[in-house]
PDB file of N, CA and C in Angstrom:
ATOM      1  N   UNK A   1     -11.028  25.459 -14.243  1.00  0.00           N
ATOM      2  CA  UNK A   1     -10.257  25.984 -15.342  1.00  0.00           C
ATOM      3  C   UNK A   1     -10.655  25.242 -16.613  1.00  0.00           C
ATOM      4  N   UNK A   2     -11.702  25.725 -17.237  1.00  0.00           N
ATOM      5  CA  UNK A   2     -12.195  25.106 -18.451  1.00  0.00           C
ATOM      6  C   UNK A   2     -11.258  25.354 -19.615  1.00  0.00           C
ATOM      7  N   UNK A   3     -11.194  24.354 -20.483  1.00  0.00           N
ATOM      8  CA  UNK A   3     -10.440  24.512 -21.704  1.00  0.00           C
ATOM      9  C   UNK A   3      -8.939  24.363 -21.561  1.00  0.00           C
ATOM     10  N   UNK A   4      -8.461  24.102 -20.363  1.00  0.00           N
ATOM     11  CA  UNK A   4      -7.013  23.929 -20.200  1.00  0.00           C
ATOM     12  C   UNK A   4      -6.728  22.478 -19.878  1.00  0.00           C
ATOM     13  N   UNK A   5      -5.640  22.000 -20.401  1.00  0.00           N
ATOM     14  CA  UNK A   5      -5.224  20.644 -20.080  1.00  0.00           C
ATOM     15  C   UNK A   5      -4.533  20.662 -18.730  1.00  0.00           C
ATOM     16  N   UNK A   6      -4.847  19.663 -17.940  1.00  0.00           N
ATOM     17  CA  UNK A   6      -4.180  19.619 -16.632  1.00  0.00           C
ATOM     18  C   UNK A   6      -2.807  18.980 -16.787  1.00  0.00           C
ATOM     19  N   UNK A   7      -1.892  19.483 -16.003  1.00  0.00           N
ATOM     20  CA  UNK A   7      -0.533  18.946 -16.005  1.00  0.00           C
ATOM     21  C   UNK A   7      -0.544  17.570 -15.358  1.00  0.00           C
ATOM     22  N   UNK A   8       0.364  16.702 -15.741  1.00  0.00           N
ATOM     23  CA  UNK A   8       0.401  15.379 -15.108  1.00  0.00           C
ATOM     24  C   UNK A   8       0.690  15.501 -13.623  1.00  0.00           C
ATOM     25  N   UNK A   9       0.111  14.616 -12.855  1.00  0.00           N
ATOM     26  CA  UNK A   9       0.330  14.599 -11.414  1.00  0.00           C
ATOM     27  C   UNK A   9       1.524  13.695 -11.140  1.00  0.00           C
ATOM     28  N   UNK A  10       2.695  14.295 -11.000  1.00  0.00           N
ATOM     29  CA  UNK A  10       3.926  13.523 -10.868  1.00  0.00           C
ATOM     30  C   UNK A  10       3.976  12.704  -9.590  1.00  0.00           C
ATOM     31  N   UNK A  11       3.289  13.160  -8.550  1.00  0.00           N
ATOM     32  CA  UNK A  11       3.301  12.412  -7.300  1.00  0.00           C
ATOM     33  C   UNK A  11       2.659  11.045  -7.500  1.00  0.00           C
ATOM     34  N   UNK A  12       1.573  10.978  -8.262  1.00  0.00           N
ATOM     35  CA  UNK A  12       0.863   9.713  -8.408  1.00  0.00           C
ATOM     36  C   UNK A  12       1.523   8.773  -9.403  1.00  0.00           C
ATOM     37  N   UNK A  13       2.365   9.278 -10.300  1.00  0.00           N
ATOM     38  CA  UNK A  13       2.955   8.379 -11.283  1.00  0.00           C
ATOM     39  C   UNK A  13       4.332   7.865 -10.879  1.00  0.00           C
ATOM     40  N   UNK A  14       4.860   8.376  -9.797  1.00  0.00           N
ATOM     41  CA  UNK A  14       6.149   7.900  -9.313  1.00  0.00           C
ATOM     42  C   UNK A  14       5.935   6.556  -8.622  1.00  0.00           C
ATOM     43  N   UNK A  15       6.757   5.587  -8.952  1.00  0.00           N
ATOM     44  CA  UNK A  15       6.667   4.291  -8.279  1.00  0.00           C
ATOM     45  C   UNK A  15       7.312   4.392  -6.913  1.00  0.00           C
ATOM     46  N   UNK A  16       6.501   4.193  -5.881  1.00  0.00           N
ATOM     47  CA  UNK A  16       7.014   4.226  -4.514  1.00  0.00           C
ATOM     48  C   UNK A  16       7.195   2.783  -4.065  1.00  0.00           C
ATOM     49  N   UNK A  17       8.423   2.401  -3.742  1.00  0.00           N
ATOM     50  CA  UNK A  17       8.658   1.014  -3.327  1.00  0.00           C
ATOM     51  C   UNK A  17       7.907   0.681  -2.040  1.00  0.00           C
ATOM     52  N   UNK A  18       7.506  -0.548  -1.921  1.00  0.00           N
ATOM     53  CA  UNK A  18       6.756  -1.011  -0.759  1.00  0.00           C
ATOM     54  C   UNK A  18       7.535  -0.787   0.535  1.00  0.00           C
ATOM     55  N   UNK A  19       8.866  -0.867   0.471  1.00  0.00           N
ATOM     56  CA  UNK A  19       9.706  -0.720   1.663  1.00  0.00           C
ATOM     57  C   UNK A  19      10.010   0.735   2.005  1.00  0.00           C
ATOM     58  N   UNK A  20       9.398   1.695   1.344  1.00  0.00           N
ATOM     59  CA  UNK A  20       9.702   3.117   1.547  1.00  0.00           C
ATOM     60  C   UNK A  20       9.486   3.538   2.999  1.00  0.00           C
ATOM     61  N   UNK A  21       8.391   3.060   3.597  1.00  0.00           N
ATOM     62  CA  UNK A  21       8.071   3.419   4.986  1.00  0.00           C
ATOM     63  C   UNK A  21       7.917   2.136   5.789  1.00  0.00           C
ATOM     64  N   UNK A  22       8.568   2.112   6.957  1.00  0.00           N
ATOM     65  CA  UNK A  22       8.376   0.974   7.849  1.00  0.00           C
ATOM     66  C   UNK A  22       8.105   1.480   9.259  1.00  0.00           C
ATOM     67  N   UNK A  23       7.412   0.670  10.029  1.00  0.00           N
ATOM     68  CA  UNK A  23       7.144   0.986  11.427  1.00  0.00           C
ATOM     69  C   UNK A  23       8.227   0.306  12.257  1.00  0.00           C
ATOM     70  N   UNK A  24       8.921   1.097  13.041  1.00  0.00           N
ATOM     71  CA  UNK A  24      10.011   0.559  13.862  1.00  0.00           C
ATOM     72  C   UNK A  24       9.457  -0.143  15.103  1.00  0.00           C
ATOM     73  N   UNK A  25      10.203  -1.099  15.647  1.00  0.00           N
ATOM     74  CA  UNK A  25       9.771  -1.776  16.881  1.00  0.00           C
ATOM     75  C   UNK A  25       9.569  -0.763  18.007  1.00  0.00           C
ATOM     76  N   UNK A  26       8.643  -1.074  18.894  1.00  0.00           N
ATOM     77  CA  UNK A  26       8.406  -0.208  20.046  1.00  0.00           C
ATOM     78  C   UNK A  26       7.098   0.553  19.986  1.00  0.00           C
ATOM     79  N   UNK A  27       6.239   0.240  19.017  1.00  0.00           N
ATOM     80  CA  UNK A  27       4.941   0.906  18.942  1.00  0.00           C
ATOM     81  C   UNK A  27       4.096   0.493  20.145  1.00  0.00           C
ATOM     82  N   UNK A  28       3.267   1.404  20.623  1.00  0.00           N
ATOM     83  CA  UNK A  28       2.398   1.071  21.747  1.00  0.00           C
ATOM     84  C   UNK A  28       1.331   0.074  21.290  1.00  0.00           C
ATOM     85  N   UNK A  29       0.829  -0.715  22.213  1.00  0.00           N
ATOM     86  CA  UNK A  29      -0.149  -1.753  21.867  1.00  0.00           C
ATOM     87  C   UNK A  29      -1.454  -1.165  21.332  1.00  0.00           C
ATOM     88  N   UNK A  30      -1.801   0.042  21.764  1.00  0.00           N
ATOM     89  CA  UNK A  30      -3.030   0.682  21.267  1.00  0.00           C
ATOM     90  C   UNK A  30      -2.778   1.538  20.024  1.00  0.00           C
ATOM     91  N   UNK A  31      -1.547   1.527  19.515  1.00  0.00           N
ATOM     92  CA  UNK A  31      -1.128   2.230  18.293  1.00  0.00           C
ATOM     93  C   UNK A  31      -1.213   3.755  18.389  1.00  0.00           C
ATOM     94  N   UNK A  32      -1.290   4.288  19.612  1.00  0.00           N
ATOM     95  CA  UNK A  32      -1.319   5.745  19.758  1.00  0.00           C
ATOM     96  C   UNK A  32       0.062   6.366  19.612  1.00  0.00           C
ATOM     97  N   UNK A  33       1.105   5.552  19.705  1.00  0.00           N
ATOM     98  CA  UNK A  33       2.447   6.091  19.485  1.00  0.00           C
ATOM     99  C   UNK A  33       3.294   5.071  18.733  1.00  0.00           C
ATOM    100  N   UNK A  34       4.014   5.576  17.748  1.00  0.00           N
ATOM    101  CA  UNK A  34       4.922   4.732  16.977  1.00  0.00           C
ATOM    102  C   UNK A  34       5.906   5.597  16.222  1.00  0.00           C
ATOM    103  N   UNK A  35       6.968   4.947  15.779  1.00  0.00           N
ATOM    104  CA  UNK A  35       7.992   5.617  14.996  1.00  0.00           C
ATOM    105  C   UNK A  35       8.038   4.985  13.616  1.00  0.00           C
ATOM    106  N   UNK A  36       7.971   5.840  12.608  1.00  0.00           N
ATOM    107  CA  UNK A  36       8.056   5.422  11.218  1.00  0.00           C
ATOM    108  C   UNK A  36       9.455   5.749  10.706  1.00  0.00           C
ATOM    109  N   UNK A  37      10.002   4.883   9.893  1.00  0.00           N
ATOM    110  CA  UNK A  37      11.265   5.147   9.233  1.00  0.00           C
ATOM    111  C   UNK A  37      10.983   5.297   7.746  1.00  0.00           C
ATOM    112  N   UNK A  38      11.378   6.443   7.186  1.00  0.00           N
ATOM    113  CA  UNK A  38      11.129   6.731   5.776  1.00  0.00           C
ATOM    114  C   UNK A  38      12.473   6.735   5.065  1.00  0.00           C
ATOM    115  N   UNK A  39      12.634   5.816   4.136  1.00  0.00           N
ATOM    116  CA  UNK A  39      13.920   5.657   3.451  1.00  0.00           C
ATOM    117  C   UNK A  39      14.110   6.692   2.350  1.00  0.00           C
ATOM    118  N   UNK A  40      15.365   7.070   2.148  1.00  0.00           N
ATOM    119  CA  UNK A  40      15.774   7.995   1.085  1.00  0.00           C
ATOM    120  C   UNK A  40      15.132   9.379   1.219  1.00  0.00           C
ATOM    121  N   UNK A  41      14.919   9.825   2.448  1.00  0.00           N
ATOM    122  CA  UNK A  41      14.366  11.159   2.693  1.00  0.00           C
ATOM    123  C   UNK A  41      15.218  11.874   3.730  1.00  0.00           C
ATOM    124  N   UNK A  42      15.077  13.216   3.766  1.00  0.00           N
ATOM    125  CA  UNK A  42      15.895  14.010   4.671  1.00  0.00           C
ATOM    126  C   UNK A  42      15.048  15.084   5.340  1.00  0.00           C
ATOM    127  N   UNK A  43      15.679  16.185   5.737  1.00  0.00           N
ATOM    128  CA  UNK A  43      14.993  17.257   6.454  1.00  0.00           C
ATOM    129  C   UNK A  43      13.864  17.887   5.645  1.00  0.00           C
ATOM    130  N   UNK A  44      13.975  17.873   4.333  1.00  0.00           N
ATOM    131  CA  UNK A  44      12.940  18.504   3.504  1.00  0.00           C
ATOM    132  C   UNK A  44      11.583  17.869   3.778  1.00  0.00           C
ATOM    133  N   UNK A  45      11.503  16.569   3.678  1.00  0.00           N
ATOM    134  CA  UNK A  45      10.236  15.893   3.954  1.00  0.00           C
ATOM    135  C   UNK A  45       9.984  15.796   5.451  1.00  0.00           C
ATOM    136  N   UNK A  46      11.010  15.526   6.233  1.00  0.00           N
ATOM    137  CA  UNK A  46      10.839  15.353   7.671  1.00  0.00           C
ATOM    138  C   UNK A  46      10.186  16.550   8.334  1.00  0.00           C
ATOM    139  N   UNK A  47      10.700  17.735   8.091  1.00  0.00           N
ATOM    140  CA  UNK A  47      10.156  18.931   8.730  1.00  0.00           C
ATOM    141  C   UNK A  47       8.792  19.298   8.168  1.00  0.00           C
ATOM    142  N   UNK A  48       8.610  19.159   6.871  1.00  0.00           N
ATOM    143  CA  UNK A  48       7.315  19.475   6.255  1.00  0.00           C
ATOM    144  C   UNK A  48       6.225  18.537   6.762  1.00  0.00           C
ATOM    145  N   UNK A  49       6.545  17.253   6.829  1.00  0.00           N
ATOM    146  CA  UNK A  49       5.568  16.273   7.297  1.00  0.00           C
ATOM    147  C   UNK A  49       5.289  16.453   8.785  1.00  0.00           C
ATOM    148  N   UNK A  50       6.311  16.757   9.551  1.00  0.00           N
ATOM    149  CA  UNK A  50       6.111  17.039  10.986  1.00  0.00           C
ATOM    150  C   UNK A  50       5.140  18.187  11.173  1.00  0.00           C
ATOM    151  N   UNK A  51       5.327  19.260  10.384  1.00  0.00           N
ATOM    152  CA  UNK A  51       4.430  20.413  10.469  1.00  0.00           C
ATOM    153  C   UNK A  51       2.996  20.014  10.139  1.00  0.00           C
ATOM    154  N   UNK A  52       2.815  19.278   9.033  1.00  0.00           N
ATOM    155  CA  UNK A  52       1.461  18.887   8.603  1.00  0.00           C
ATOM    156  C   UNK A  52       0.787  18.005   9.653  1.00  0.00           C
ATOM    157  N   UNK A  53       1.524  17.069  10.222  1.00  0.00           N
ATOM    158  CA  UNK A  53       0.942  16.171  11.220  1.00  0.00           C
ATOM    159  C   UNK A  53       0.580  16.925  12.488  1.00  0.00           C
ATOM    160  N   UNK A  54       1.386  17.907  12.879  1.00  0.00           N
ATOM    161  CA  UNK A  54       1.098  18.677  14.098  1.00  0.00           C
ATOM    162  C   UNK A  54      -0.132  19.577  13.960  1.00  0.00           C
ATOM    163  N   UNK A  55      -0.643  19.769  12.755  1.00  0.00           N
ATOM    164  CA  UNK A  55      -1.873  20.551  12.576  1.00  0.00           C
ATOM    165  C   UNK A  55      -3.104  19.756  13.016  1.00  0.00           C
ATOM    166  N   UNK A  56      -2.955  18.445  13.162  1.00  0.00           N
ATOM    167  CA  UNK A  56      -4.042  17.554  13.562  1.00  0.00           C
ATOM    168  C   UNK A  56      -4.229  17.652  15.076  1.00  0.00           C
ATOM    169  N   UNK A  57      -5.424  18.024  15.516  1.00  0.00           N
ATOM    170  CA  UNK A  57      -5.692  18.198  16.950  1.00  0.00           C
ATOM    171  C   UNK A  57      -5.613  16.895  17.743  1.00  0.00           C
ATOM    172  N   UNK A  58      -5.649  15.765  17.049  1.00  0.00           N
ATOM    173  CA  UNK A  58      -5.562  14.476  17.740  1.00  0.00           C
ATOM    174  C   UNK A  58      -4.113  14.033  17.943  1.00  0.00           C
ATOM    175  N   UNK A  59      -3.172  14.857  17.525  1.00  0.00           N
ATOM    176  CA  UNK A  59      -1.747  14.529  17.683  1.00  0.00           C
ATOM    177  C   UNK A  59      -1.179  15.328  18.852  1.00  0.00           C
ATOM    178  N   UNK A  60      -0.611  14.600  19.806  1.00  0.00           N
ATOM    179  CA  UNK A  60       0.024  15.239  20.967  1.00  0.00           C
ATOM    180  C   UNK A  60       1.466  15.622  20.672  1.00  0.00           C
ATOM    181  N   UNK A  61       2.145  14.792  19.879  1.00  0.00           N
ATOM    182  CA  UNK A  61       3.561  15.025  19.599  1.00  0.00           C
ATOM    183  C   UNK A  61       3.921  14.443  18.246  1.00  0.00           C
ATOM    184  N   UNK A  62       4.752  15.164  17.523  1.00  0.00           N
ATOM    185  CA  UNK A  62       5.352  14.639  16.303  1.00  0.00           C
ATOM    186  C   UNK A  62       6.733  15.271  16.160  1.00  0.00           C
ATOM    187  N   UNK A  63       7.717  14.440  15.994  1.00  0.00           N
ATOM    188  CA  UNK A  63       9.084  14.920  15.802  1.00  0.00           C
ATOM    189  C   UNK A  63       9.812  13.987  14.855  1.00  0.00           C
ATOM    190  N   UNK A  64      10.847  14.513  14.247  1.00  0.00           N
ATOM    191  CA  UNK A  64      11.618  13.671  13.336  1.00  0.00           C
ATOM    192  C   UNK A  64      13.100  13.805  13.649  1.00  0.00           C
ATOM    193  N   UNK A  65      13.845  12.807  13.217  1.00  0.00           N
ATOM    194  CA  UNK A  65      15.300  12.854  13.359  1.00  0.00           C
ATOM    195  C   UNK A  65      15.932  12.136  12.180  1.00  0.00           C
ATOM    196  N   UNK A  66      17.142  12.559  11.887  1.00  0.00           N
ATOM    197  CA  UNK A  66      17.975  11.877  10.908  1.00  0.00           C
ATOM    198  C   UNK A  66      18.989  11.102  11.758  1.00  0.00           C
ATOM    199  N   UNK A  67      18.882   9.757  11.790  1.00  0.00           N
ATOM    200  CA  UNK A  67      19.736   8.993  12.713  1.00  0.00           C
ATOM    201  C   UNK A  67      21.227   9.265  12.545  1.00  0.00           C
ATOM    202  N   UNK A  68      21.678   9.367  11.303  1.00  0.00           N
ATOM    203  CA  UNK A  68      23.090   9.628  11.041  1.00  0.00           C
ATOM    204  C   UNK A  68      23.207  10.182   9.631  1.00  0.00           C
ATOM    205  N   UNK A  69      24.085  11.166   9.416  1.00  0.00           N
ATOM    206  CA  UNK A  69      24.202  11.759   8.075  1.00  0.00           C
ATOM    207  C   UNK A  69      24.528  10.750   6.964  1.00  0.00           C
ATOM    208  N   UNK A  70      25.162   9.646   7.310  1.00  0.00           N
ATOM    209  CA  UNK A  70      25.503   8.670   6.272  1.00  0.00           C
ATOM    210  C   UNK A  70      24.355   7.700   5.979  1.00  0.00           C
ATOM    211  N   UNK A  71      23.280   7.761   6.784  1.00  0.00           N
ATOM    212  CA  UNK A  71      22.115   6.917   6.546  1.00  0.00           C
ATOM    213  C   UNK A  71      21.047   7.746   5.843  1.00  0.00           C
ATOM    214  N   UNK A  72      20.573   7.253   4.728  1.00  0.00           N
ATOM    215  CA  UNK A  72      19.555   7.983   3.963  1.00  0.00           C
ATOM    216  C   UNK A  72      18.167   7.597   4.455  1.00  0.00           C
ATOM    217  N   UNK A  73      17.825   8.073   5.657  1.00  0.00           N
ATOM    218  CA  UNK A  73      16.492   7.815   6.183  1.00  0.00           C
ATOM    219  C   UNK A  73      16.131   8.854   7.237  1.00  0.00           C
ATOM    220  N   UNK A  74      14.836   9.007   7.421  1.00  0.00           N
ATOM    221  CA  UNK A  74      14.282   9.918   8.408  1.00  0.00           C
ATOM    222  C   UNK A  74      13.369   9.119   9.324  1.00  0.00           C
ATOM    223  N   UNK A  75      13.530   9.283  10.622  1.00  0.00           N
ATOM    224  CA  UNK A  75      12.635   8.649  11.583  1.00  0.00           C
ATOM    225  C   UNK A  75      11.643   9.693  12.068  1.00  0.00           C
ATOM    226  N   UNK A  76      10.362   9.339  12.041  1.00  0.00           N
ATOM    227  CA  UNK A  76       9.296  10.254  12.421  1.00  0.00           C
ATOM    228  C   UNK A  76       8.485   9.612  13.539  1.00  0.00           C
ATOM    229  N   UNK A  77       8.451  10.248  14.705  1.00  0.00           N
ATOM    230  CA  UNK A  77       7.723   9.742  15.877  1.00  0.00           C
ATOM    231  C   UNK A  77       6.411  10.489  15.999  1.00  0.00           C
ATOM    232  N   UNK A  78       5.312   9.736  16.161  1.00  0.00           N
ATOM    233  CA  UNK A  78       3.977  10.323  16.313  1.00  0.00           C
ATOM    234  C   UNK A  78       3.345   9.763  17.573  1.00  0.00           C
ATOM    235  N   UNK A  79       2.777  10.636  18.398  1.00  0.00           N
ATOM    236  CA  UNK A  79       2.003  10.242  19.570  1.00  0.00           C
ATOM    237  C   UNK A  79       0.655  10.943  19.471  1.00  0.00           C
ATOM    238  N   UNK A  80      -0.415  10.165  19.575  1.00  0.00           N
ATOM    239  CA  UNK A  80      -1.760  10.712  19.418  1.00  0.00           C
ATOM    240  C   UNK A  80      -2.545  10.595  20.721  1.00  0.00           C
ATOM    241  N   UNK A  81      -3.686  11.248  20.736  1.00  0.00           N
ATOM    242  CA  UNK A  81      -4.592  11.164  21.872  1.00  0.00           C
ATOM    243  C   UNK A  81      -5.289   9.809  21.860  1.00  0.00           C
ATOM    244  N   UNK A  82      -5.901   9.449  22.977  1.00  0.00           N
ATOM    245  CA  UNK A  82      -6.711   8.231  23.010  1.00  0.00           C
ATOM    246  C   UNK A  82      -7.852   8.396  22.014  1.00  0.00           C
ATOM    247  N   UNK A  83      -8.248   7.323  21.393  1.00  0.00           N
ATOM    248  CA  UNK A  83      -9.318   7.386  20.404  1.00  0.00           C
ATOM    249  C   UNK A  83      -8.810   7.644  18.996  1.00  0.00           C
ATOM    250  N   UNK A  84      -7.517   7.802  18.849  1.00  0.00           N
ATOM    251  CA  UNK A  84      -6.896   8.006  17.544  1.00  0.00           C
ATOM    252  C   UNK A  84      -5.693   7.081  17.466  1.00  0.00           C
ATOM    253  N   UNK A  85      -5.053   7.014  16.317  1.00  0.00           N
ATOM    254  CA  UNK A  85      -3.834   6.209  16.243  1.00  0.00           C
ATOM    255  C   UNK A  85      -2.826   6.860  15.311  1.00  0.00           C
ATOM    256  N   UNK A  86      -1.592   6.465  15.465  1.00  0.00           N
ATOM    257  CA  UNK A  86      -0.488   7.094  14.740  1.00  0.00           C
ATOM    258  C   UNK A  86      -0.538   6.802  13.239  1.00  0.00           C
ATOM    259  N   UNK A  87      -1.049   5.640  12.850  1.00  0.00           N
ATOM    260  CA  UNK A  87      -1.136   5.314  11.421  1.00  0.00           C
ATOM    261  C   UNK A  87      -2.107   6.272  10.733  1.00  0.00           C
ATOM    262  N   UNK A  88      -3.262   6.507  11.339  1.00  0.00           N
ATOM    263  CA  UNK A  88      -4.230   7.452  10.763  1.00  0.00           C
ATOM    264  C   UNK A  88      -3.656   8.867  10.724  1.00  0.00           C
ATOM    265  N   UNK A  89      -2.909   9.240  11.757  1.00  0.00           N
ATOM    266  CA  UNK A  89      -2.297  10.576  11.797  1.00  0.00           C
ATOM    267  C   UNK A  89      -1.262  10.723  10.684  1.00  0.00           C
ATOM    268  N   UNK A  90      -0.475   9.685  10.437  1.00  0.00           N
ATOM    269  CA  UNK A  90       0.515   9.716   9.356  1.00  0.00           C
ATOM    270  C   UNK A  90      -0.196   9.828   8.012  1.00  0.00           C
ATOM    271  N   UNK A  91      -1.244   9.036   7.819  1.00  0.00           N
ATOM    272  CA  UNK A  91      -1.997   9.054   6.572  1.00  0.00           C
ATOM    273  C   UNK A  91      -2.595  10.434   6.315  1.00  0.00           C
ATOM    274  N   UNK A  92      -3.204  11.021   7.337  1.00  0.00           N
ATOM    275  CA  UNK A  92      -3.786  12.359   7.203  1.00  0.00           C
ATOM    276  C   UNK A  92      -2.704  13.395   6.948  1.00  0.00           C
ATOM    277  N   UNK A  93      -1.574  13.286   7.629  1.00  0.00           N
ATOM    278  CA  UNK A  93      -0.472  14.221   7.434  1.00  0.00           C
ATOM    279  C   UNK A  93       0.052  14.192   6.004  1.00  0.00           C
ATOM    280  N   UNK A  94       0.192  12.992   5.446  1.00  0.00           N
ATOM    281  CA  UNK A  94       0.647  12.870   4.052  1.00  0.00           C
ATOM    282  C   UNK A  94      -0.366  13.496   3.095  1.00  0.00           C
ATOM    283  N   UNK A  95      -1.653  13.230   3.325  1.00  0.00           N
ATOM    284  CA  UNK A  95      -2.702  13.831   2.482  1.00  0.00           C
ATOM    285  C   UNK A  95      -2.707  15.349   2.603  1.00  0.00           C
ATOM    286  N   UNK A  96      -2.602  15.851   3.841  1.00  0.00           N
ATOM    287  CA  UNK A  96      -2.622  17.300   4.063  1.00  0.00           C
ATOM    288  C   UNK A  96      -1.419  17.984   3.430  1.00  0.00           C
ATOM    289  N   UNK A  97      -0.248  17.373   3.542  1.00  0.00           N
ATOM    290  CA  UNK A  97       0.959  17.954   2.940  1.00  0.00           C
ATOM    291  C   UNK A  97       0.825  17.996   1.425  1.00  0.00           C
ATOM    292  N   UNK A  98       0.285  16.953   0.856  1.00  0.00           N
ATOM    293  CA  UNK A  98       0.070  16.918  -0.595  1.00  0.00           C
ATOM    294  C   UNK A  98      -0.899  18.033  -1.016  1.00  0.00           C
ATOM    295  N   UNK A  99      -1.961  18.239  -0.239  1.00  0.00           N
ATOM    296  CA  UNK A  99      -2.923  19.298  -0.540  1.00  0.00           C
ATOM    297  C   UNK A  99      -2.274  20.678  -0.493  1.00  0.00           C
ATOM    298  N   UNK A 100      -1.446  20.914   0.509  1.00  0.00           N
ATOM    299  CA  UNK A 100      -0.746  22.200   0.621  1.00  0.00           C
ATOM    300  C   UNK A 100       0.137  22.424  -0.602  1.00  0.00           C
ATOM    301  N   UNK A 101       0.849  21.384  -1.013  1.00  0.00           N
ATOM    302  CA  UNK A 101       1.720  21.501  -2.197  1.00  0.00           C
ATOM    303  C   UNK A 101       0.906  21.795  -3.456  1.00  0.00           C
ATOM    304  N   UNK A 102      -0.249  21.170  -3.590  1.00  0.00           N
ATOM    305  CA  UNK A 102      -1.099  21.412  -4.751  1.00  0.00           C
ATOM    306  C   UNK A 102      -1.635  22.848  -4.763  1.00  0.00           C
ATOM    307  N   UNK A 103      -1.979  23.371  -3.600  1.00  0.00           N
ATOM    308  CA  UNK A 103      -2.461  24.754  -3.505  1.00  0.00           C
ATOM    309  C   UNK A 103      -1.351  25.726  -3.893  1.00  0.00           C
ATOM    310  N   UNK A 104      -0.156  25.507  -3.369  1.00  0.00           N
ATOM    311  CA  UNK A 104       0.980  26.380  -3.696  1.00  0.00           C
ATOM    312  C   UNK A 104       1.282  26.328  -5.185  1.00  0.00           C
ATOM    313  N   UNK A 105       1.274  25.144  -5.754  1.00  0.00           N
ATOM    314  CA  UNK A 105       1.535  24.996  -7.183  1.00  0.00           C
ATOM    315  C   UNK A 105       0.465  25.727  -8.002  1.00  0.00           C
ATOM    316  N   UNK A 106      -0.787  25.600  -7.603  1.00  0.00           N
ATOM    317  CA  UNK A 106      -1.874  26.283  -8.305  1.00  0.00           C
ATOM    318  C   UNK A 106      -1.720  27.795  -8.265  1.00  0.00           C
ATOM    319  N   UNK A 107      -1.377  28.338  -7.099  1.00  0.00           N
ATOM    320  CA  UNK A 107      -1.169  29.792  -6.965  1.00  0.00           C
ATOM    321  C   UNK A 107       0.013  30.246  -7.822  1.00  0.00           C
ATOM    322  N   UNK A 108       1.077  29.444  -7.822  1.00  0.00           N
ATOM    323  CA  UNK A 108       2.257  29.759  -8.621  1.00  0.00           C
ATOM    324  C   UNK A 108       1.896  29.812 -10.105  1.00  0.00           C
ATOM    325  N   UNK A 109       1.195  28.793 -10.583  1.00  0.00           N
ATOM    326  CA  UNK A 109       0.803  28.745 -11.997  1.00  0.00           C
ATOM    327  C   UNK A 109      -0.142  29.889 -12.350  1.00  0.00           C
ATOM    328  N   UNK A 110      -1.043  30.226 -11.431  1.00  0.00           N
ATOM    329  CA  UNK A 110      -1.982  31.332 -11.650  1.00  0.00           C
ATOM    330  C   UNK A 110      -1.229  32.653 -11.806  1.00  0.00           C
ATOM    331  N   UNK A 111      -0.291  32.905 -10.923  1.00  0.00           N
ATOM    332  CA  UNK A 111       0.470  34.151 -10.979  1.00  0.00           C
ATOM    333  C   UNK A 111       1.323  34.220 -12.246  1.00  0.00           C
ATOM    334  N   UNK A 112       1.880  33.095 -12.656  1.00  0.00           N
ATOM    335  CA  UNK A 112       2.641  33.070 -13.908  1.00  0.00           C
ATOM    336  C   UNK A 112       1.741  33.413 -15.095  1.00  0.00           C
ATOM    337  N   UNK A 113       0.562  32.805 -15.139  1.00  0.00           N
ATOM    338  CA  UNK A 113      -0.367  33.034 -16.243  1.00  0.00           C
ATOM    339  C   UNK A 113      -0.833  34.486 -16.272  1.00  0.00           C
ATOM    340  N   UNK A 114      -0.989  35.091 -15.106  1.00  0.00           N
ATOM    341  CA  UNK A 114      -1.417  36.494 -15.011  1.00  0.00           C
ATOM    342  C   UNK A 114      -0.258  37.463 -15.211  1.00  0.00           C
ATOM    343  N   UNK A 115       0.952  36.963 -15.234  1.00  0.00           N
ATOM    344  CA  UNK A 115       2.119  37.830 -15.351  1.00  0.00           C
ATOM    345  C   UNK A 115       2.417  38.587 -14.070  1.00  0.00           C
ATOM    346  N   UNK A 116       1.912  38.099 -12.956  1.00  0.00           N
ATOM    347  CA  UNK A 116       2.106  38.760 -11.661  1.00  0.00           C
ATOM    348  C   UNK A 116       3.341  38.208 -10.965  1.00  0.00           C
ATOM    349  N   UNK A 117       4.487  38.616 -11.443  1.00  0.00           N
ATOM    350  CA  UNK A 117       5.743  38.222 -10.824  1.00  0.00           C
ATOM    351  C   UNK A 117       6.790  39.262 -11.179  1.00  0.00           C
ATOM    352  N   UNK A 118       7.800  39.323 -10.374  1.00  0.00           N
ATOM    353  CA  UNK A 118       8.876  40.307 -10.627  1.00  0.00           C
ATOM    354  C   UNK A 118      10.050  39.606 -11.259  1.00  0.00           C
ATOM    355  N   UNK A 119      10.665  40.280 -12.195  1.00  0.00           N
ATOM    356  CA  UNK A 119      11.881  39.771 -12.835  1.00  0.00           C
ATOM    357  C   UNK A 119      13.078  40.528 -12.290  1.00  0.00           C
ATOM    358  N   UNK A 120      14.132  39.799 -12.018  1.00  0.00           N
ATOM    359  CA  UNK A 120      15.372  40.440 -11.595  1.00  0.00           C
ATOM    360  C   UNK A 120      16.455  40.064 -12.591  1.00  0.00           C
ATOM    361  N   UNK A 121      17.245  41.002 -12.935  1.00  0.00           N
ATOM    362  CA  UNK A 121      18.325  40.736 -13.904  1.00  0.00           C
ATOM    363  C   UNK A 121      19.669  40.804 -13.255  1.00  0.00           C
TER     364      UNK A 121
END
């Protein structure tokens, strides 16, 4: 898209605290299975990230849970095949989810610029 200014990338400018994601006790010694706890997140990220991680053929299982409605955190369990590890699967899942969001945003902006949308009153 020549000649257009790109919009700021809000994902990269948000300060993410170091404690945002932690690995809970109980990870396997070969790192093929572990549970991550993501603070201040809910079903929106949990289900989306679960979907993105399950697209990876090296992942056998990925599920998430909200431990309790009064706790602002999501636990995400990943189990991978031998020769892979859960940290790499989480990293790839985050990258893939970000890519999907960027594609959707691009299509949305394209349709707006083309006037290809319906208005309801």
